[in-house]
Amino acid sequence: MRDLFDILIPVCLLIVLGVLAVGVYSLFRGGSFARSYSNKLMRLRVLTQFIAILVLVAAFVWRRHGAH
């Protein structure tokens, strides 16, 4: 399970970074693309951050529990 978290944590963080980058790009680009996608992308960013935090907490709990 430890190996799973070693892979899952960076993947989650990269997904958050990717969604954030596309969202910021859409905000600066403006136009119809920004009107259509910027709010949706920022909501997706919040969701992906929440998932990443859950994975980090689960890894912390798993490793702390496994140490005893």
N, C-alpha and C. Protein backbone atom coordinates (compact mmCIF):
# COMPACT_ATOMS: atom_id res chain seq x y z
N MET A 1 0.82 -1.19 0.00
CA MET A 1 0.00 0.00 0.00
C MET A 1 0.87 1.26 0.00
N ARG A 2 2.03 1.16 0.62
CA ARG A 2 2.91 2.32 0.66
C ARG A 2 3.33 2.72 -0.76
N ASP A 3 3.60 1.72 -1.60
CA ASP A 3 3.97 2.01 -2.98
C ASP A 3 2.84 2.71 -3.73
N LEU A 4 1.61 2.34 -3.41
CA LEU A 4 0.46 2.99 -4.04
C LEU A 4 0.43 4.48 -3.72
N PHE A 5 0.65 4.83 -2.46
CA PHE A 5 0.65 6.24 -2.07
C PHE A 5 1.84 6.98 -2.66
N ASP A 6 2.97 6.29 -2.82
CA ASP A 6 4.14 6.92 -3.44
C ASP A 6 3.87 7.32 -4.88
N ILE A 7 2.98 6.62 -5.53
CA ILE A 7 2.60 6.95 -6.91
C ILE A 7 1.40 7.88 -6.93
N LEU A 8 0.43 7.63 -6.07
CA LEU A 8 -0.84 8.36 -6.09
C LEU A 8 -0.68 9.83 -5.69
N ILE A 9 0.17 10.10 -4.72
CA ILE A 9 0.34 11.49 -4.26
C ILE A 9 0.88 12.39 -5.37
N PRO A 10 1.99 12.05 -6.03
CA PRO A 10 2.45 12.92 -7.12
C PRO A 10 1.45 13.03 -8.28
N VAL A 11 0.75 11.94 -8.58
CA VAL A 11 -0.24 11.99 -9.66
C VAL A 11 -1.35 12.98 -9.31
N CYS A 12 -1.85 12.92 -8.08
CA CYS A 12 -2.90 13.86 -7.65
C CYS A 12 -2.41 15.29 -7.73
N LEU A 13 -1.19 15.53 -7.26
CA LEU A 13 -0.65 16.89 -7.28
C LEU A 13 -0.44 17.39 -8.70
N LEU A 14 -0.02 16.52 -9.60
CA LEU A 14 0.14 16.93 -11.00
C LEU A 14 -1.21 17.24 -11.66
N ILE A 15 -2.23 16.49 -11.30
CA ILE A 15 -3.57 16.76 -11.83
C ILE A 15 -4.05 18.12 -11.36
N VAL A 16 -3.85 18.41 -10.07
CA VAL A 16 -4.24 19.73 -9.54
C VAL A 16 -3.48 20.83 -10.27
N LEU A 17 -2.19 20.64 -10.45
CA LEU A 17 -1.38 21.64 -11.15
C LEU A 17 -1.86 21.84 -12.59
N GLY A 18 -2.18 20.75 -13.27
CA GLY A 18 -2.67 20.86 -14.64
C GLY A 18 -3.99 21.59 -14.75
N VAL A 19 -4.93 21.26 -13.87
CA VAL A 19 -6.23 21.94 -13.88
C VAL A 19 -6.05 23.42 -13.55
N LEU A 20 -5.19 23.71 -12.57
CA LEU A 20 -4.93 25.11 -12.21
C LEU A 20 -4.32 25.87 -13.37
N ALA A 21 -3.36 25.27 -14.06
CA ALA A 21 -2.71 25.93 -15.19
C ALA A 21 -3.70 26.23 -16.31
N VAL A 22 -4.53 25.27 -16.64
CA VAL A 22 -5.53 25.49 -17.70
C VAL A 22 -6.55 26.53 -17.26
N GLY A 23 -6.94 26.51 -15.99
CA GLY A 23 -7.90 27.50 -15.48
C GLY A 23 -7.35 28.91 -15.51
N VAL A 24 -6.09 29.08 -15.09
CA VAL A 24 -5.47 30.41 -15.13
C VAL A 24 -5.30 30.86 -16.57
N TYR A 25 -4.92 29.94 -17.44
CA TYR A 25 -4.79 30.27 -18.87
C TYR A 25 -6.13 30.76 -19.42
N SER A 26 -7.20 30.09 -19.04
CA SER A 26 -8.51 30.49 -19.57
C SER A 26 -8.92 31.86 -19.04
N LEU A 27 -8.54 32.16 -17.80
CA LEU A 27 -8.86 33.49 -17.25
C LEU A 27 -8.13 34.59 -18.00
N PHE A 28 -6.85 34.37 -18.32
CA PHE A 28 -6.07 35.38 -19.01
C PHE A 28 -6.40 35.45 -20.50
N ARG A 29 -6.85 34.35 -21.07
CA ARG A 29 -7.17 34.33 -22.49
C ARG A 29 -8.41 35.18 -22.77
N GLY A 30 -9.40 35.06 -21.90
CA GLY A 30 -10.61 35.83 -22.09
C GLY A 30 -11.48 35.29 -23.21
N GLY A 31 -12.43 36.07 -23.61
CA GLY A 31 -13.30 35.70 -24.71
C GLY A 31 -14.30 34.62 -24.36
N SER A 32 -14.81 33.97 -25.39
CA SER A 32 -15.85 32.97 -25.19
C SER A 32 -15.31 31.73 -24.47
N PHE A 33 -14.03 31.41 -24.69
CA PHE A 33 -13.44 30.27 -24.00
C PHE A 33 -13.46 30.49 -22.49
N ALA A 34 -13.09 31.67 -22.05
CA ALA A 34 -13.08 31.98 -20.62
C ALA A 34 -14.49 31.97 -20.05
N ARG A 35 -15.43 32.52 -20.78
CA ARG A 35 -16.82 32.52 -20.30
C ARG A 35 -17.35 31.11 -20.14
N SER A 36 -16.94 30.23 -21.03
CA SER A 36 -17.45 28.86 -21.00
C SER A 36 -16.75 27.97 -19.99
N TYR A 37 -15.45 28.17 -19.80
CA TYR A 37 -14.68 27.18 -19.07
C TYR A 37 -13.99 27.65 -17.79
N SER A 38 -13.74 28.95 -17.60
CA SER A 38 -12.93 29.36 -16.46
C SER A 38 -13.58 29.00 -15.13
N ASN A 39 -14.86 29.24 -14.98
CA ASN A 39 -15.55 28.91 -13.72
C ASN A 39 -15.60 27.40 -13.51
N LYS A 40 -15.87 26.66 -14.56
CA LYS A 40 -15.91 25.20 -14.45
C LYS A 40 -14.54 24.64 -14.07
N LEU A 41 -13.49 25.20 -14.66
CA LEU A 41 -12.14 24.73 -14.35
C LEU A 41 -11.75 25.05 -12.91
N MET A 42 -12.14 26.20 -12.41
CA MET A 42 -11.81 26.54 -11.03
C MET A 42 -12.59 25.65 -10.06
N ARG A 43 -13.80 25.30 -10.40
CA ARG A 43 -14.55 24.35 -9.57
C ARG A 43 -13.90 22.97 -9.61
N LEU A 44 -13.43 22.57 -10.79
CA LEU A 44 -12.73 21.29 -10.91
C LEU A 44 -11.43 21.32 -10.11
N ARG A 45 -10.77 22.47 -10.08
CA ARG A 45 -9.55 22.61 -9.29
C ARG A 45 -9.83 22.39 -7.81
N VAL A 46 -10.92 22.97 -7.32
CA VAL A 46 -11.28 22.78 -5.92
C VAL A 46 -11.56 21.30 -5.64
N LEU A 47 -12.25 20.64 -6.53
CA LEU A 47 -12.54 19.22 -6.37
C LEU A 47 -11.25 18.38 -6.37
N THR A 48 -10.36 18.67 -7.31
CA THR A 48 -9.11 17.91 -7.36
C THR A 48 -8.23 18.19 -6.15
N GLN A 49 -8.26 19.41 -5.63
CA GLN A 49 -7.51 19.71 -4.41
C GLN A 49 -8.08 18.94 -3.24
N PHE A 50 -9.39 18.85 -3.16
CA PHE A 50 -10.03 18.09 -2.09
C PHE A 50 -9.61 16.62 -2.15
N ILE A 51 -9.62 16.06 -3.34
CA ILE A 51 -9.22 14.66 -3.51
C ILE A 51 -7.75 14.48 -3.13
N ALA A 52 -6.90 15.42 -3.54
CA ALA A 52 -5.48 15.33 -3.20
C ALA A 52 -5.28 15.40 -1.69
N ILE A 53 -6.03 16.25 -1.01
CA ILE A 53 -5.92 16.34 0.45
C ILE A 53 -6.38 15.05 1.10
N LEU A 54 -7.46 14.46 0.59
CA LEU A 54 -7.91 13.18 1.13
C LEU A 54 -6.84 12.09 0.96
N VAL A 55 -6.19 12.07 -0.18
CA VAL A 55 -5.14 11.09 -0.43
C VAL A 55 -3.96 11.33 0.52
N LEU A 56 -3.59 12.59 0.72
CA LEU A 56 -2.50 12.90 1.63
C LEU A 56 -2.82 12.50 3.06
N VAL A 57 -4.04 12.77 3.50
CA VAL A 57 -4.46 12.38 4.85
C VAL A 57 -4.48 10.86 4.98
N ALA A 58 -5.00 10.19 3.97
CA ALA A 58 -5.04 8.72 4.01
C ALA A 58 -3.62 8.14 4.07
N ALA A 59 -2.69 8.72 3.32
CA ALA A 59 -1.31 8.24 3.36
C ALA A 59 -0.70 8.48 4.73
N PHE A 60 -0.96 9.64 5.31
CA PHE A 60 -0.44 9.94 6.65
C PHE A 60 -0.98 8.97 7.68
N VAL A 61 -2.28 8.74 7.64
CA VAL A 61 -2.90 7.82 8.60
C VAL A 61 -2.38 6.40 8.38
N TRP A 62 -2.27 5.97 7.13
CA TRP A 62 -1.80 4.63 6.84
C TRP A 62 -0.36 4.43 7.33
N ARG A 63 0.49 5.40 7.04
CA ARG A 63 1.88 5.26 7.46
C ARG A 63 2.03 5.37 8.97
N ARG A 64 1.24 6.21 9.60
CA ARG A 64 1.30 6.35 11.06
C ARG A 64 0.77 5.08 11.72
N HIS A 65 -0.29 4.52 11.19
CA HIS A 65 -0.86 3.29 11.73
C HIS A 65 0.07 2.12 11.50
N GLY A 66 0.70 2.08 10.36
CA GLY A 66 1.60 0.97 10.03
C GLY A 66 2.90 1.01 10.81
N ALA A 67 3.26 2.16 11.37
CA ALA A 67 4.51 2.28 12.13
C ALA A 67 4.42 1.61 13.49
N HIS A 68 3.23 1.39 13.99
CA HIS A 68 3.07 0.80 15.33
C HIS A 68 2.99 -0.69 15.25
